[in-house]
C-alpha atoms as a PDB file:
ATOM      1  CA  MET A   1      28.723  -5.053   0.288  1.00  0.00           C
ATOM      2  CA  LYS A   2      26.190  -7.864   0.675  1.00  0.00           C
ATOM      3  CA  ALA A   3      22.533  -7.788  -0.308  1.00  0.00           C
ATOM      4  CA  ARG A   4      20.424  -6.230   2.437  1.00  0.00           C
ATOM      5  CA  GLU A   5      17.244  -4.356   3.224  1.00  0.00           C
ATOM      6  CA  VAL A   6      17.670  -0.613   3.654  1.00  0.00           C
ATOM      7  CA  ARG A   7      15.171   1.394   5.716  1.00  0.00           C
ATOM      8  CA  ILE A   8      14.864   5.139   5.065  1.00  0.00           C
ATOM      9  CA  LEU A   9      12.757   7.158   7.481  1.00  0.00           C
ATOM     10  CA  GLY A  10      11.097   9.775   5.291  1.00  0.00           C
ATOM     11  CA  SER A  11       7.964  10.930   7.063  1.00  0.00           C
ATOM     12  CA  GLY A  12       5.255  13.200   5.702  1.00  0.00           C
ATOM     13  CA  GLY A  13       4.267  13.776   2.097  1.00  0.00           C
ATOM     14  CA  ASN A  14       7.370  15.788   1.187  1.00  0.00           C
ATOM     15  CA  TRP A  15       9.962  13.408   2.583  1.00  0.00           C
ATOM     16  CA  ILE A  16       8.174  10.230   1.528  1.00  0.00           C
ATOM     17  CA  SER A  17       8.296  11.509  -2.045  1.00  0.00           C
ATOM     18  CA  LEU A  18      11.938  12.590  -1.834  1.00  0.00           C
ATOM     19  CA  CYS A  19      13.072   9.353  -0.192  1.00  0.00           C
ATOM     20  CA  GLY A  20      11.099   7.362  -2.726  1.00  0.00           C
ATOM     21  CA  LYS A  21      13.327   8.820  -5.431  1.00  0.00           C
ATOM     22  CA  ILE A  22      16.432   7.900  -3.427  1.00  0.00           C
ATOM     23  CA  ALA A  23      15.029   4.379  -3.063  1.00  0.00           C
ATOM     24  CA  LEU A  24      14.437   4.216  -6.809  1.00  0.00           C
ATOM     25  CA  GLY A  25      18.032   5.262  -7.430  1.00  0.00           C
ATOM     26  CA  LEU A  26      19.309   2.551  -5.102  1.00  0.00           C
ATOM     27  CA  THR A  27      17.074  -0.170  -6.550  1.00  0.00           C
ATOM     28  CA  GLY A  28      14.835  -0.143  -9.616  1.00  0.00           C
ATOM     29  CA  TYR A  29      16.060  -1.435 -12.965  1.00  0.00           C
ATOM     30  CA  SER A  30      19.863  -1.720 -12.910  1.00  0.00           C
ATOM     31  CA  GLY A  31      19.825  -0.635  -9.265  1.00  0.00           C
ATOM     32  CA  LYS A  32      23.006   0.266  -7.470  1.00  0.00           C
ATOM     33  CA  LEU A  33      22.612  -2.156  -4.545  1.00  0.00           C
ATOM     34  CA  PRO A  34      23.629  -5.819  -4.802  1.00  0.00           C
ATOM     35  CA  ALA A  35      21.071  -8.207  -6.299  1.00  0.00           C
ATOM     36  CA  GLY A  36      18.490  -9.288  -3.751  1.00  0.00           C
ATOM     37  CA  SER A  37      18.529  -5.974  -1.887  1.00  0.00           C
ATOM     38  CA  ALA A  38      15.404  -3.982  -1.100  1.00  0.00           C
ATOM     39  CA  VAL A  39      14.724  -0.437   0.097  1.00  0.00           C
ATOM     40  CA  SER A  40      11.709   0.581   2.174  1.00  0.00           C
ATOM     41  CA  VAL A  41      10.613   4.141   2.927  1.00  0.00           C
ATOM     42  CA  VAL A  42       9.109   4.315   6.408  1.00  0.00           C
ATOM     43  CA  ALA A  43       6.391   6.848   7.223  1.00  0.00           C
ATOM     44  CA  ALA A  44       5.501   8.338  10.602  1.00  0.00           C
ATOM     45  CA  ASP A  45       4.449  11.709  11.999  1.00  0.00           C
ATOM     46  CA  PRO A  46       6.794  14.150  10.211  1.00  0.00           C
ATOM     47  CA  GLY A  47       7.006  16.616  13.096  1.00  0.00           C
ATOM     48  CA  GLU A  48       7.783  13.993  15.705  1.00  0.00           C
ATOM     49  CA  MET A  49      10.313  12.329  13.427  1.00  0.00           C
ATOM     50  CA  CYS A  50      12.401  15.505  13.286  1.00  0.00           C
ATOM     51  CA  LEU A  51      13.344  14.651  16.853  1.00  0.00           C
ATOM     52  CA  LEU A  52      12.753  10.901  16.970  1.00  0.00           C
ATOM     53  CA  GLY A  53      14.251  10.172  13.537  1.00  0.00           C
ATOM     54  CA  PRO A  54      17.865  10.790  14.572  1.00  0.00           C
ATOM     55  CA  LYS A  55      17.248   8.629  17.646  1.00  0.00           C
ATOM     56  CA  TRP A  56      15.813   5.839  15.511  1.00  0.00           C
ATOM     57  CA  VAL A  57      18.869   5.909  13.267  1.00  0.00           C
ATOM     58  CA  ALA A  58      21.205   5.875  16.255  1.00  0.00           C
ATOM     59  CA  ALA A  59      19.288   2.901  17.687  1.00  0.00           C
ATOM     60  CA  GLY A  60      19.431   0.982  14.401  1.00  0.00           C
ATOM     61  CA  LYS A  61      15.669   1.155  13.751  1.00  0.00           C
ATOM     62  CA  ALA A  62      16.342   2.913  10.437  1.00  0.00           C
ATOM     63  CA  ASP A  63      19.436   3.246   8.255  1.00  0.00           C
ATOM     64  CA  MET A  64      18.797   6.886   7.328  1.00  0.00           C
ATOM     65  CA  ALA A  65      16.398   9.643   8.264  1.00  0.00           C
ATOM     66  CA  ILE A  66      15.589  13.213   7.279  1.00  0.00           C
ATOM     67  CA  THR A  67      15.257  15.933   9.888  1.00  0.00           C
ATOM     68  CA  THR A  68      14.857  19.698   9.920  1.00  0.00           C
ATOM     69  CA  PRO A  69      16.243  22.247  10.648  1.00  0.00           C
ATOM     70  CA  ASP A  70      19.646  20.940   9.648  1.00  0.00           C
ATOM     71  CA  TRP A  71      21.321  22.342  12.774  1.00  0.00           C
ATOM     72  CA  PHE A  72      19.307  19.780  14.766  1.00  0.00           C
ATOM     73  CA  VAL A  73      21.903  17.231  13.653  1.00  0.00           C
ATOM     74  CA  LYS A  74      24.666  19.090  15.481  1.00  0.00           C
ATOM     75  CA  LEU A  75      22.544  19.193  18.638  1.00  0.00           C
ATOM     76  CA  ALA A  76      21.921  15.453  18.286  1.00  0.00           C
ATOM     77  CA  VAL A  77      25.619  14.634  17.856  1.00  0.00           C
ATOM     78  CA  GLU A  78      26.526  16.801  20.851  1.00  0.00           C
ATOM     79  CA  GLY A  79      23.654  15.550  23.004  1.00  0.00           C
ATOM     80  CA  ALA A  80      22.371  19.097  23.448  1.00  0.00           C
ATOM     81  CA  PRO A  81      18.674  19.855  24.115  1.00  0.00           C
ATOM     82  CA  PRO A  82      16.259  18.614  22.927  1.00  0.00           C
ATOM     83  CA  PHE A  83      18.446  15.487  22.757  1.00  0.00           C
ATOM     84  CA  GLU A  84      19.348  13.779  26.016  1.00  0.00           C
ATOM     85  CA  GLU A  85      22.624  12.136  24.959  1.00  0.00           C
ATOM     86  CA  PRO A  86      25.129  12.288  22.083  1.00  0.00           C
ATOM     87  CA  LEU A  87      24.055  10.281  19.043  1.00  0.00           C
ATOM     88  CA  PRO A  88      26.565   8.592  16.672  1.00  0.00           C
ATOM     89  CA  LEU A  89      25.387  10.280  13.471  1.00  0.00           C
ATOM     90  CA  ARG A  90      27.014  11.484  10.267  1.00  0.00           C
ATOM     91  CA  MET A  91      25.720  13.560   7.379  1.00  0.00           C
ATOM     92  CA  LEU A  92      24.858  12.176   3.998  1.00  0.00           C
ATOM     93  CA  ALA A  93      23.241  15.150   2.266  1.00  0.00           C
ATOM     94  CA  THR A  94      21.308  18.370   2.744  1.00  0.00           C
ATOM     95  CA  PHE A  95      18.454  19.665   0.621  1.00  0.00           C
ATOM     96  CA  PRO A  96      17.533  23.346   0.174  1.00  0.00           C
ATOM     97  CA  HIS A  97      14.714  24.386   2.484  1.00  0.00           C
ATOM     98  CA  ASP A  98      14.725  28.106   3.290  1.00  0.00           C
ATOM     99  CA  ASP A  99      12.687  28.549   6.473  1.00  0.00           C
ATOM    100  CA  ARG A 100      12.376  30.523   9.709  1.00  0.00           C
ATOM    101  CA  MET A 101      10.439  30.422  12.948  1.00  0.00           C
ATOM    102  CA  ALA A 102       7.704  33.054  12.849  1.00  0.00           C
ATOM    103  CA  PHE A 103       5.909  34.755  15.725  1.00  0.00           C
ATOM    104  CA  ALA A 104       3.044  36.634  14.083  1.00  0.00           C
ATOM    105  CA  VAL A 105       0.265  38.489  15.894  1.00  0.00           C
ATOM    106  CA  ARG A 106      -2.812  40.208  14.551  1.00  0.00           C
ATOM    107  CA  ARG A 107      -2.226  43.959  14.571  1.00  0.00           C
ATOM    108  CA  GLU A 108      -5.472  44.707  16.389  1.00  0.00           C
ATOM    109  CA  THR A 109      -3.971  43.142  19.537  1.00  0.00           C
ATOM    110  CA  GLY A 110      -1.572  46.089  19.779  1.00  0.00           C
ATOM    111  CA  ILE A 111       1.258  43.671  20.609  1.00  0.00           C
ATOM    112  CA  GLU A 112       4.598  44.826  19.207  1.00  0.00           C
ATOM    113  CA  SER A 113       7.067  42.627  21.100  1.00  0.00           C
ATOM    114  CA  PHE A 114       7.447  39.606  23.338  1.00  0.00           C
ATOM    115  CA  HIS A 115       7.876  42.060  26.213  1.00  0.00           C
ATOM    116  CA  ASP A 116       4.346  43.323  25.544  1.00  0.00           C
ATOM    117  CA  ILE A 117       2.961  39.807  25.921  1.00  0.00           C
ATOM    118  CA  ARG A 118       4.688  39.331  29.274  1.00  0.00           C
ATOM    119  CA  GLU A 119       4.134  42.799  30.730  1.00  0.00           C
ATOM    120  CA  ARG A 120       0.470  42.944  29.697  1.00  0.00           C
ATOM    121  CA  ARG A 121      -0.080  39.284  30.664  1.00  0.00           C
ATOM    122  CA  TYR A 122      -1.963  39.172  27.403  1.00  0.00           C
ATOM    123  CA  PRO A 123      -4.604  36.380  27.192  1.00  0.00           C
ATOM    124  CA  LEU A 124      -3.431  35.387  23.735  1.00  0.00           C
ATOM    125  CA  ARG A 125      -5.480  33.001  21.626  1.00  0.00           C
ATOM    126  CA  LEU A 126      -2.523  31.270  20.073  1.00  0.00           C
ATOM    127  CA  SER A 127      -2.545  29.091  16.967  1.00  0.00           C
ATOM    128  CA  ILE A 128       0.242  26.610  17.612  1.00  0.00           C
ATOM    129  CA  ILE A 129       1.065  22.960  17.026  1.00  0.00           C
ATOM    130  CA  SER A 130      -0.490  20.628  19.578  1.00  0.00           C
ATOM    131  CA  ARG A 131       1.512  20.030  22.732  1.00  0.00           C
ATOM    132  CA  ASN A 132       0.923  16.311  22.242  1.00  0.00           C
ATOM    133  CA  THR A 133       3.575  16.237  19.516  1.00  0.00           C
ATOM    134  CA  TRP A 134       7.373  16.474  19.485  1.00  0.00           C
ATOM    135  CA  HIS A 135       7.316  18.865  16.548  1.00  0.00           C
ATOM    136  CA  PRO A 136      10.436  21.091  16.468  1.00  0.00           C
ATOM    137  CA  ALA A 137       8.301  24.206  15.871  1.00  0.00           C
ATOM    138  CA  LEU A 138       6.555  23.649  19.210  1.00  0.00           C
ATOM    139  CA  TRP A 139       9.906  23.149  20.935  1.00  0.00           C
ATOM    140  CA  GLY A 140      11.281  26.201  19.124  1.00  0.00           C
ATOM    141  CA  ALA A 141       8.363  28.403  20.151  1.00  0.00           C
ATOM    142  CA  GLU A 142       8.558  27.291  23.774  1.00  0.00           C
ATOM    143  CA  SER A 143      12.330  27.854  23.823  1.00  0.00           C
ATOM    144  CA  VAL A 144      12.047  31.404  22.496  1.00  0.00           C
ATOM    145  CA  LEU A 145       9.206  32.260  24.883  1.00  0.00           C
ATOM    146  CA  ALA A 146      11.274  30.924  27.781  1.00  0.00           C
ATOM    147  CA  GLU A 147      13.986  33.467  26.982  1.00  0.00           C
ATOM    148  CA  TYR A 148      11.391  36.149  27.748  1.00  0.00           C
ATOM    149  CA  GLY A 149      10.180  34.466  30.927  1.00  0.00           C
ATOM    150  CA  ILE A 150       6.964  33.208  29.334  1.00  0.00           C
ATOM    151  CA  THR A 151       5.544  29.694  29.189  1.00  0.00           C
ATOM    152  CA  LEU A 152       2.549  28.379  27.299  1.00  0.00           C
ATOM    153  CA  ASP A 153       0.996  27.601  30.691  1.00  0.00           C
ATOM    154  CA  ASP A 154       1.407  31.283  31.593  1.00  0.00           C
ATOM    155  CA  ILE A 155      -0.573  32.285  28.513  1.00  0.00           C
ATOM    156  CA  VAL A 156      -3.360  29.892  29.499  1.00  0.00           C
ATOM    157  CA  SER A 157      -3.322  31.125  33.110  1.00  0.00           C
ATOM    158  CA  TRP A 158      -3.779  34.714  31.871  1.00  0.00           C
ATOM    159  CA  GLY A 159      -7.004  33.641  30.158  1.00  0.00           C
ATOM    160  CA  GLY A 160      -5.480  32.775  26.800  1.00  0.00           C
ATOM    161  CA  GLU A 161      -5.951  29.621  24.796  1.00  0.00           C
ATOM    162  CA  LEU A 162      -3.744  27.209  22.844  1.00  0.00           C
ATOM    163  CA  LEU A 163      -5.789  26.469  19.751  1.00  0.00           C
ATOM    164  CA  SER A 164      -3.769  23.501  18.392  1.00  0.00           C
ATOM    165  CA  ASP A 165      -5.347  24.186  15.014  1.00  0.00           C
ATOM    166  CA  ARG A 166      -2.540  23.789  12.496  1.00  0.00           C
ATOM    167  CA  PRO A 167      -4.066  22.504   9.235  1.00  0.00           C
ATOM    168  CA  ARG A 168      -3.239  18.941   8.299  1.00  0.00           C
ATOM    169  CA  PHE A 169      -2.264  20.042   4.779  1.00  0.00           C
ATOM    170  CA  ILE A 170      -0.604  23.445   5.050  1.00  0.00           C
ATOM    171  CA  ASN A 171      -0.047  23.787   1.305  1.00  0.00           C
ATOM    172  CA  ALA A 172      -3.645  23.061   0.297  1.00  0.00           C
ATOM    173  CA  PRO A 173      -5.429  25.986  -1.416  1.00  0.00           C
ATOM    174  CA  ASP A 174      -8.718  25.212   0.387  1.00  0.00           C
ATOM    175  CA  GLN A 175      -7.331  24.798   3.911  1.00  0.00           C
ATOM    176  CA  LYS A 176      -8.822  26.418   6.986  1.00  0.00           C
ATOM    177  CA  LEU A 177      -5.988  28.777   7.927  1.00  0.00           C
ATOM    178  CA  ALA A 178      -6.593  28.795  11.689  1.00  0.00           C
ATOM    179  CA  ASN A 179      -9.351  28.804  14.264  1.00  0.00           C
ATOM    180  CA  GLU A 180     -11.407  31.903  13.472  1.00  0.00           C
ATOM    181  CA  ARG A 181     -10.739  33.268  16.983  1.00  0.00           C
ATOM    182  CA  PHE A 182      -6.951  33.206  16.655  1.00  0.00           C
ATOM    183  CA  GLU A 183      -4.861  36.246  17.582  1.00  0.00           C
ATOM    184  CA  ALA A 184      -1.385  34.884  16.865  1.00  0.00           C
ATOM    185  CA  VAL A 185       0.413  32.118  14.976  1.00  0.00           C
ATOM    186  CA  PHE A 186       3.742  30.775  16.242  1.00  0.00           C
ATOM    187  CA  ASP A 187       5.062  28.288  13.687  1.00  0.00           C
ATOM    188  CA  GLU A 188       7.521  27.609  10.849  1.00  0.00           C
ATOM    189  CA  ALA A 189       7.133  26.404   7.219  1.00  0.00           C
ATOM    190  CA  LEU A 190       7.107  29.932   5.799  1.00  0.00           C
ATOM    191  CA  SER A 191       7.352  28.756   2.190  1.00  0.00           C
ATOM    192  CA  THR A 192       3.912  27.157   2.336  1.00  0.00           C
ATOM    193  CA  ARG A 193       0.654  28.528   0.969  1.00  0.00           C
ATOM    194  CA  ARG A 194      -0.736  28.875   4.510  1.00  0.00           C
ATOM    195  CA  TRP A 195       1.518  31.808   5.437  1.00  0.00           C
ATOM    196  CA  LYS A 196       0.803  33.654   2.181  1.00  0.00           C
ATOM    197  CA  MET A 197      -2.925  33.211   2.709  1.00  0.00           C
ATOM    198  CA  LEU A 198      -2.735  34.224   6.385  1.00  0.00           C
ATOM    199  CA  THR A 199      -0.894  37.446   5.682  1.00  0.00           C
ATOM    200  CA  ASP A 200      -3.072  38.287   2.690  1.00  0.00           C
ATOM    201  CA  THR A 201      -6.237  37.725   4.733  1.00  0.00           C
ATOM    202  CA  TYR A 202      -5.268  39.274   8.078  1.00  0.00           C
ATOM    203  CA  ASP A 203      -3.162  42.254   9.126  1.00  0.00           C
ATOM    204  CA  MET A 204      -0.238  40.547  10.857  1.00  0.00           C
ATOM    205  CA  ARG A 205       2.823  41.832  12.691  1.00  0.00           C
ATOM    206  CA  PHE A 206       5.887  39.577  12.908  1.00  0.00           C
ATOM    207  CA  LEU A 207       7.550  39.974  16.301  1.00  0.00           C
ATOM    208  CA  PRO A 208      11.341  40.441  16.188  1.00  0.00           C
ATOM    209  CA  VAL A 209      13.455  38.220  18.423  1.00  0.00           C
ATOM    210  CA  ASP A 210      15.939  40.421  20.294  1.00  0.00           C
ATOM    211  CA  ARG A 211      19.616  40.147  19.436  1.00  0.00           C
ATOM    212  CA  ASP A 212      20.641  39.076  22.934  1.00  0.00           C
ATOM    213  CA  VAL A 213      18.096  36.248  22.781  1.00  0.00           C
ATOM    214  CA  LEU A 214      19.354  35.122  19.374  1.00  0.00           C
ATOM    215  CA  ASP A 215      22.912  35.240  20.710  1.00  0.00           C
ATOM    216  CA  ARG A 216      22.006  33.038  23.682  1.00  0.00           C
ATOM    217  CA  LEU A 217      20.263  30.576  21.408  1.00  0.00           C
ATOM    218  CA  ALA A 218      23.257  30.587  19.032  1.00  0.00           C
ATOM    219  CA  ALA A 219      25.476  29.667  21.977  1.00  0.00           C
ATOM    220  CA  ARG A 220      23.282  26.570  22.365  1.00  0.00           C
ATOM    221  CA  GLY A 221      23.657  25.596  18.694  1.00  0.00           C
ATOM    222  CA  TRP A 222      20.780  27.459  17.060  1.00  0.00           C
ATOM    223  CA  ARG A 223      21.187  29.621  13.957  1.00  0.00           C
ATOM    224  CA  ALA A 224      19.870  33.168  13.529  1.00  0.00           C
ATOM    225  CA  GLY A 225      18.038  34.404  10.452  1.00  0.00           C
ATOM    226  CA  VAL A 226      15.562  37.018   9.277  1.00  0.00           C
ATOM    227  CA  ILE A 227      12.140  37.113   7.708  1.00  0.00           C
ATOM    228  CA  ARG A 228      12.980  39.264   4.722  1.00  0.00           C
ATOM    229  CA  ALA A 229      11.364  42.626   4.059  1.00  0.00           C
ATOM    230  CA  GLY A 230       8.628  42.149   1.480  1.00  0.00           C
ATOM    231  CA  GLN A 231       8.400  38.394   2.000  1.00  0.00           C
ATOM    232  CA  PHE A 232       4.821  38.851   3.217  1.00  0.00           C
ATOM    233  CA  ARG A 233       2.296  41.663   3.153  1.00  0.00           C
ATOM    234  CA  GLY A 234       3.033  44.037   6.018  1.00  0.00           C
ATOM    235  CA  VAL A 235       6.690  43.023   6.460  1.00  0.00           C
ATOM    236  CA  GLU A 236       8.402  46.322   5.671  1.00  0.00           C
ATOM    237  CA  GLU A 237      11.825  45.553   7.170  1.00  0.00           C
ATOM    238  CA  ASP A 238      13.830  42.444   8.019  1.00  0.00           C
ATOM    239  CA  VAL A 239      12.555  40.694  11.154  1.00  0.00           C
ATOM    240  CA  PRO A 240      15.238  38.871  13.213  1.00  0.00           C
ATOM    241  CA  THR A 241      14.159  35.365  14.221  1.00  0.00           C
ATOM    242  CA  PRO A 242      15.626  31.854  14.497  1.00  0.00           C
ATOM    243  CA  ASP A 243      16.546  30.140  11.248  1.00  0.00           C
ATOM    244  CA  PHE A 244      14.790  26.817  10.649  1.00  0.00           C
ATOM    245  CA  SER A 245      16.307  25.961   7.265  1.00  0.00           C
ATOM    246  CA  GLY A 246      17.638  22.792   5.715  1.00  0.00           C
ATOM    247  CA  TRP A 247      16.518  19.203   5.259  1.00  0.00           C
ATOM    248  CA  ALA A 248      19.286  16.930   6.523  1.00  0.00           C
ATOM    249  CA  LEU A 249      19.689  13.257   5.558  1.00  0.00           C
ATOM    250  CA  VAL A 250      21.627  11.459   8.303  1.00  0.00           C
ATOM    251  CA  CYS A 251      22.912   7.968   9.015  1.00  0.00           C
ATOM    252  CA  ARG A 252      24.831   6.166  11.750  1.00  0.00           C
ATOM    253  CA  ALA A 253      28.531   6.842  11.843  1.00  0.00           C
ATOM    254  CA  ASP A 254      29.246   3.132  11.350  1.00  0.00           C
ATOM    255  CA  MET A 255      26.959   2.540   8.365  1.00  0.00           C
ATOM    256  CA  GLU A 256      28.657   0.612   5.548  1.00  0.00           C
ATOM    257  CA  GLU A 257      30.811   2.957   3.503  1.00  0.00           C
ATOM    258  CA  ASP A 258      29.536   1.528   0.228  1.00  0.00           C
ATOM    259  CA  LEU A 259      25.914   2.158   1.195  1.00  0.00           C
ATOM    260  CA  ALA A 260      26.657   5.798   1.974  1.00  0.00           C
ATOM    261  CA  TYR A 261      28.520   6.148  -1.332  1.00  0.00           C
ATOM    262  CA  LEU A 262      25.681   4.592  -3.317  1.00  0.00           C
ATOM    263  CA  THR A 263      23.087   6.759  -1.552  1.00  0.00           C
ATOM    264  CA  ILE A 264      24.786   9.928  -2.797  1.00  0.00           C
ATOM    265  CA  ALA A 265      25.087   8.355  -6.237  1.00  0.00           C
ATOM    266  CA  ALA A 266      21.326   7.732  -6.149  1.00  0.00           C
ATOM    267  CA  ILE A 267      20.649  11.359  -5.189  1.00  0.00           C
ATOM    268  CA  ASP A 268      22.948  12.552  -7.960  1.00  0.00           C
ATOM    269  CA  GLU A 269      21.141  10.367 -10.503  1.00  0.00           C
ATOM    270  CA  GLN A 270      17.665  11.362  -9.279  1.00  0.00           C
ATOM    271  CA  LYS A 271      18.253  15.065  -8.491  1.00  0.00           C
ATOM    272  CA  HIS A 272      16.173  16.411 -11.366  1.00  0.00           C
ATOM    273  CA  GLU A 273      13.392  13.949 -10.580  1.00  0.00           C
ATOM    274  CA  ILE A 274      13.472  15.145  -6.960  1.00  0.00           C
ATOM    275  CA  GLU A 275      13.237  18.775  -8.050  1.00  0.00           C
ATOM    276  CA  ALA A 276      10.274  17.956 -10.273  1.00  0.00           C
ATOM    277  CA  LEU A 277       8.348  16.719  -7.232  1.00  0.00           C
ATOM    278  CA  PHE A 278       8.272  20.232  -5.801  1.00  0.00           C
ATOM    279  CA  PRO A 279       6.964  22.784  -8.312  1.00  0.00           C
ATOM    280  CA  GLN A 280       6.960  26.467  -7.426  1.00  0.00           C
ATOM    281  CA  PRO A 281       5.395  28.499  -5.907  1.00  0.00           C
ATOM    282  CA  PHE A 282       4.927  27.410  -2.290  1.00  0.00           C
ATOM    283  CA  SER A 283       7.487  24.660  -2.658  1.00  0.00           C
ATOM    284  CA  PRO A 284       9.084  23.334   0.540  1.00  0.00           C
ATOM    285  CA  LEU A 285      12.151  22.482  -1.552  1.00  0.00           C
ATOM    286  CA  THR A 286      13.263  26.049  -2.124  1.00  0.00           C
ATOM    287  CA  GLY A 287      16.079  25.528  -4.624  1.00  0.00           C
ATOM    288  CA  PRO A 288      17.764  23.020  -6.914  1.00  0.00           C
ATOM    289  CA  VAL A 289      19.435  19.924  -5.505  1.00  0.00           C
ATOM    290  CA  ASP A 290      23.021  21.215  -5.397  1.00  0.00           C
ATOM    291  CA  LEU A 291      25.503  18.527  -4.400  1.00  0.00           C
ATOM    292  CA  THR A 292      28.331  21.033  -4.069  1.00  0.00           C
ATOM    293  CA  ALA A 293      26.335  22.907  -1.440  1.00  0.00           C
ATOM    294  CA  SER A 294      25.267  19.602   0.091  1.00  0.00           C
ATOM    295  CA  ALA A 295      28.879  18.510   0.486  1.00  0.00           C
ATOM    296  CA  GLN A 296      30.247  21.798   1.768  1.00  0.00           C
ATOM    297  CA  THR A 297      27.585  23.086   4.202  1.00  0.00           C
ATOM    298  CA  THR A 298      27.101  20.185   6.593  1.00  0.00           C
ATOM    299  CA  PRO A 299      26.489  20.882  10.312  1.00  0.00           C
ATOM    300  CA  VAL A 300      28.484  17.751  11.305  1.00  0.00           C
ATOM    301  CA  PRO A 301      31.095  15.686   9.424  1.00  0.00           C
ATOM    302  CA  LEU A 302      30.105  13.746   6.347  1.00  0.00           C
ATOM    303  CA  HIS A 303      30.012   9.971   6.438  1.00  0.00           C
ATOM    304  CA  PRO A 304      33.276   8.770   4.810  1.00  0.00           C
ATOM    305  CA  GLY A 305      31.397   6.968   2.049  1.00  0.00           C
ATOM    306  CA  ALA A 306      29.422  10.081   1.182  1.00  0.00           C
ATOM    307  CA  GLU A 307      32.569  12.204   1.289  1.00  0.00           C
ATOM    308  CA  ARG A 308      34.294   9.778  -1.075  1.00  0.00           C
ATOM    309  CA  TYR A 309      31.511  10.143  -3.650  1.00  0.00           C
ATOM    310  CA  TYR A 310      31.488  13.934  -3.385  1.00  0.00           C
ATOM    311  CA  ARG A 311      35.275  14.093  -3.878  1.00  0.00           C
ATOM    312  CA  GLU A 312      35.419  11.614  -6.717  1.00  0.00           C
ATOM    313  CA  HIS A 313      32.736  13.504  -8.628  1.00  0.00           C
ATOM    314  CA  GLY A 314      34.086  17.002  -8.112  1.00  0.00           C
ATOM    315  CA  TYR A 315      31.622  18.265  -5.508  1.00  0.00           C
ATOM    316  CA  LEU A 316      34.386  18.647  -2.911  1.00  0.00           C
END
């Protein structure tokens, strides 16, 4: 392998920090890359990059990128919505991020299901990510609503409002949780401080997604999950909903094998430093960096260089 510049797309505070540790493992004193190499961590809107990141890697604008949920990578490789064409991607690693989509309404609305919203044509004041972004939570919310014959435009036409009020820093202890007029929050990132504060402050009901809807979404590559009983105040039984777990580090299928190998070596070397970046509670990294799990739970095939490292070091 020759000296080269490596570009890692690691948007947002969480991924910039994580990818910075990978960069340090690849370079730094006694770095693993050939002399004269450099690694840059590229920042952009983290929500948009969940969708655009895989496209940037496929187009050669970045060597690697992180996206979430991890099953997005399978959709990208297959060219399934929200991706327009198959992308030549392979997996390098996954990082533990236990998450779900959540559809929570204030109990005083009397809404108990998505059917209630549609049948009552409820003018919902909805806290949701701005429609000007490509954030996967917006796409996820719209996709689930569509299964019930509801669009965001319908909600507005019934007299509702899209508040587009997600806090910039959803783990900050002094954040404004939502517009004070909100009646519902449709979003993800359940491990953050925002959801704990919301459910401690307001009486919320989490709407279950019906099994037939989850089955139809699973047929399109989604993964089903539950919001666990007791996870938040007022959640007395498991609530079925789409799973939004996993941070996935991807690369092009034709990336140099040695670079993929050395990237996993860098993660292995820096794994405890990565964990230290995300102290509990309210950590978006919801478990230790486990390379055995990383190697064995990939949504698409591993890059051969990554697979070689995992096998040589006993993780496969």
